[in-house]
C-alpha atoms as a PDB file:
ATOM      1  CA  MET A   1       7.190  -9.633   1.859  1.00  0.00           C
ATOM      2  CA  ILE A   2       7.612  -5.887   1.836  1.00  0.00           C
ATOM      3  CA  ARG A   3       6.756  -3.812  -1.185  1.00  0.00           C
ATOM      4  CA  LEU A   4       9.222  -1.098  -2.160  1.00  0.00           C
ATOM      5  CA  ASN A   5       9.078   1.541  -4.872  1.00  0.00           C
ATOM      6  CA  LYS A   6      11.842   2.272  -7.394  1.00  0.00           C
ATOM      7  CA  SER A   7      13.243   5.217  -5.538  1.00  0.00           C
ATOM      8  CA  ASN A   8      13.656   3.118  -2.385  1.00  0.00           C
ATOM      9  CA  VAL A   9      15.464   0.395  -4.308  1.00  0.00           C
ATOM     10  CA  LYS A  10      17.832   3.051  -5.877  1.00  0.00           C
ATOM     11  CA  THR A  11      18.609   4.452  -2.467  1.00  0.00           C
ATOM     12  CA  ILE A  12      19.378   0.939  -1.116  1.00  0.00           C
ATOM     13  CA  ILE A  13      21.744   0.225  -4.003  1.00  0.00           C
ATOM     14  CA  ARG A  14      23.510   3.606  -3.479  1.00  0.00           C
ATOM     15  CA  LYS A  15      23.763   3.114   0.282  1.00  0.00           C
ATOM     16  CA  ASP A  16      24.599  -0.669   0.567  1.00  0.00           C
ATOM     17  CA  GLY A  17      26.120  -1.284  -2.922  1.00  0.00           C
ATOM     18  CA  CYS A  18      23.534  -3.851  -3.859  1.00  0.00           C
ATOM     19  CA  TRP A  19      19.886  -4.912  -3.517  1.00  0.00           C
ATOM     20  CA  THR A  20      18.433  -8.445  -3.445  1.00  0.00           C
ATOM     21  CA  GLY A  21      14.680  -8.862  -3.989  1.00  0.00           C
ATOM     22  CA  PHE A  22      11.989  -9.805  -6.432  1.00  0.00           C
ATOM     23  CA  LEU A  23      10.695  -8.136  -9.622  1.00  0.00           C
ATOM     24  CA  VAL A  24       6.995  -8.705  -9.979  1.00  0.00           C
ATOM     25  CA  ALA A  25       4.126  -7.424 -12.098  1.00  0.00           C
ATOM     26  CA  ASN A  26       2.268  -4.894 -10.014  1.00  0.00           C
ATOM     27  CA  ARG A  27      -1.110  -6.728  -9.793  1.00  0.00           C
ATOM     28  CA  VAL A  28       0.370  -9.997  -8.467  1.00  0.00           C
ATOM     29  CA  HIS A  29      -0.423 -10.772  -4.856  1.00  0.00           C
ATOM     30  CA  PRO A  30       2.692 -11.206  -2.650  1.00  0.00           C
ATOM     31  CA  VAL A  31       1.694 -14.788  -1.763  1.00  0.00           C
ATOM     32  CA  HIS A  32       2.254 -15.841  -5.358  1.00  0.00           C
ATOM     33  CA  ILE A  33       5.744 -14.431  -5.545  1.00  0.00           C
ATOM     34  CA  GLU A  34       7.484 -17.463  -4.073  1.00  0.00           C
ATOM     35  CA  GLY A  35       4.367 -19.600  -3.597  1.00  0.00           C
ATOM     36  CA  LEU A  36       2.679 -22.095  -5.832  1.00  0.00           C
ATOM     37  CA  TRP A  37       2.823 -19.931  -8.960  1.00  0.00           C
ATOM     38  CA  TYR A  38       6.289 -18.424  -8.426  1.00  0.00           C
ATOM     39  CA  LEU A  39       5.511 -15.263 -10.403  1.00  0.00           C
ATOM     40  CA  GLY A  40       8.473 -13.177  -9.081  1.00  0.00           C
ATOM     41  CA  MET A  41      11.963 -13.019 -10.421  1.00  0.00           C
ATOM     42  CA  LYS A  42      14.669 -12.964  -7.721  1.00  0.00           C
ATOM     43  CA  VAL A  43      17.526 -10.603  -8.567  1.00  0.00           C
ATOM     44  CA  THR A  44      20.577  -9.141  -7.032  1.00  0.00           C
ATOM     45  CA  ILE A  45      21.366  -5.704  -8.505  1.00  0.00           C
ATOM     46  CA  ILE A  46      24.691  -4.074  -8.002  1.00  0.00           C
ATOM     47  CA  ILE A  47      24.611  -0.978 -10.231  1.00  0.00           C
ATOM     48  CA  LEU A  48      21.783   1.466 -11.085  1.00  0.00           C
ATOM     49  CA  GLU A  49      22.131   0.881 -14.839  1.00  0.00           C
ATOM     50  CA  GLU A  50      21.571  -2.847 -14.349  1.00  0.00           C
ATOM     51  CA  LEU A  51      18.280  -1.992 -12.495  1.00  0.00           C
ATOM     52  CA  GLU A  52      16.898  -0.045 -15.449  1.00  0.00           C
ATOM     53  CA  HIS A  53      17.954  -2.861 -17.867  1.00  0.00           C
ATOM     54  CA  LEU A  54      16.344  -5.569 -15.712  1.00  0.00           C
ATOM     55  CA  ILE A  55      13.071  -3.591 -15.308  1.00  0.00           C
ATOM     56  CA  ALA A  56      12.781  -3.118 -19.030  1.00  0.00           C
ATOM     57  CA  ARG A  57      13.432  -6.786 -19.823  1.00  0.00           C
ATOM     58  CA  TYR A  58      11.107  -8.046 -17.030  1.00  0.00           C
ATOM     59  CA  ALA A  59       8.285  -5.724 -18.102  1.00  0.00           C
ATOM     60  CA  TYR A  60       8.589  -6.683 -21.807  1.00  0.00           C
ATOM     61  CA  TYR A  61       8.348 -10.433 -21.170  1.00  0.00           C
ATOM     62  CA  ASN A  62       6.162 -10.690 -18.017  1.00  0.00           C
ATOM     63  CA  CYS A  63       3.832  -7.735 -17.742  1.00  0.00           C
ATOM     64  CA  ASN A  64       0.384  -7.816 -19.323  1.00  0.00           C
ATOM     65  CA  ASN A  65      -3.164  -6.681 -18.657  1.00  0.00           C
ATOM     66  CA  GLU A  66      -3.895  -9.574 -16.357  1.00  0.00           C
ATOM     67  CA  LEU A  67      -0.818  -9.524 -14.088  1.00  0.00           C
ATOM     68  CA  GLY A  68      -0.195  -5.731 -14.362  1.00  0.00           C
ATOM     69  CA  ASN A  69       1.580  -3.381 -16.721  1.00  0.00           C
ATOM     70  CA  ARG A  70       4.241  -2.077 -14.364  1.00  0.00           C
ATOM     71  CA  VAL A  71       7.018  -3.646 -12.295  1.00  0.00           C
ATOM     72  CA  ALA A  72       6.791  -3.803  -8.505  1.00  0.00           C
ATOM     73  CA  PHE A  73       9.660  -4.547  -6.123  1.00  0.00           C
ATOM     74  CA  TYR A  74       9.412  -6.864  -3.126  1.00  0.00           C
ATOM     75  CA  VAL A  75      11.975  -7.850  -0.500  1.00  0.00           C
ATOM     76  CA  GLN A  76      11.704 -10.571   2.203  1.00  0.00           C
ATOM     77  CA  LYS A  77      11.461  -9.220   5.670  1.00  0.00           C
ATOM     78  CA  GLU A  78      14.542 -10.965   6.974  1.00  0.00           C
ATOM     79  CA  THR A  79      16.798 -10.327   3.985  1.00  0.00           C
ATOM     80  CA  LYS A  80      19.535  -7.729   4.562  1.00  0.00           C
ATOM     81  CA  VAL A  81      22.742  -8.904   2.980  1.00  0.00           C
ATOM     82  CA  CYS A  82      23.497  -9.141  -0.743  1.00  0.00           C
ATOM     83  CA  LYS A  83      25.649 -12.041  -1.957  1.00  0.00           C
END
């Protein structure tokens, strides 16, 4: 898993037209995104407004003091194409 920041995700959406990856609370270890705990939410984002909406919704329901108060973005190394 590769961690990205919000500006990188926005750039990918503008360039490729979409982004597929995981939204995760910022203190979650990458092993737990798809592992035993499955703490990440897999999303495909097509427009920038949708990105802001999903970040707000994910942060409201999933972020806390234990897992982290901000949203992090992860992508799998081999993932390139959005579908």
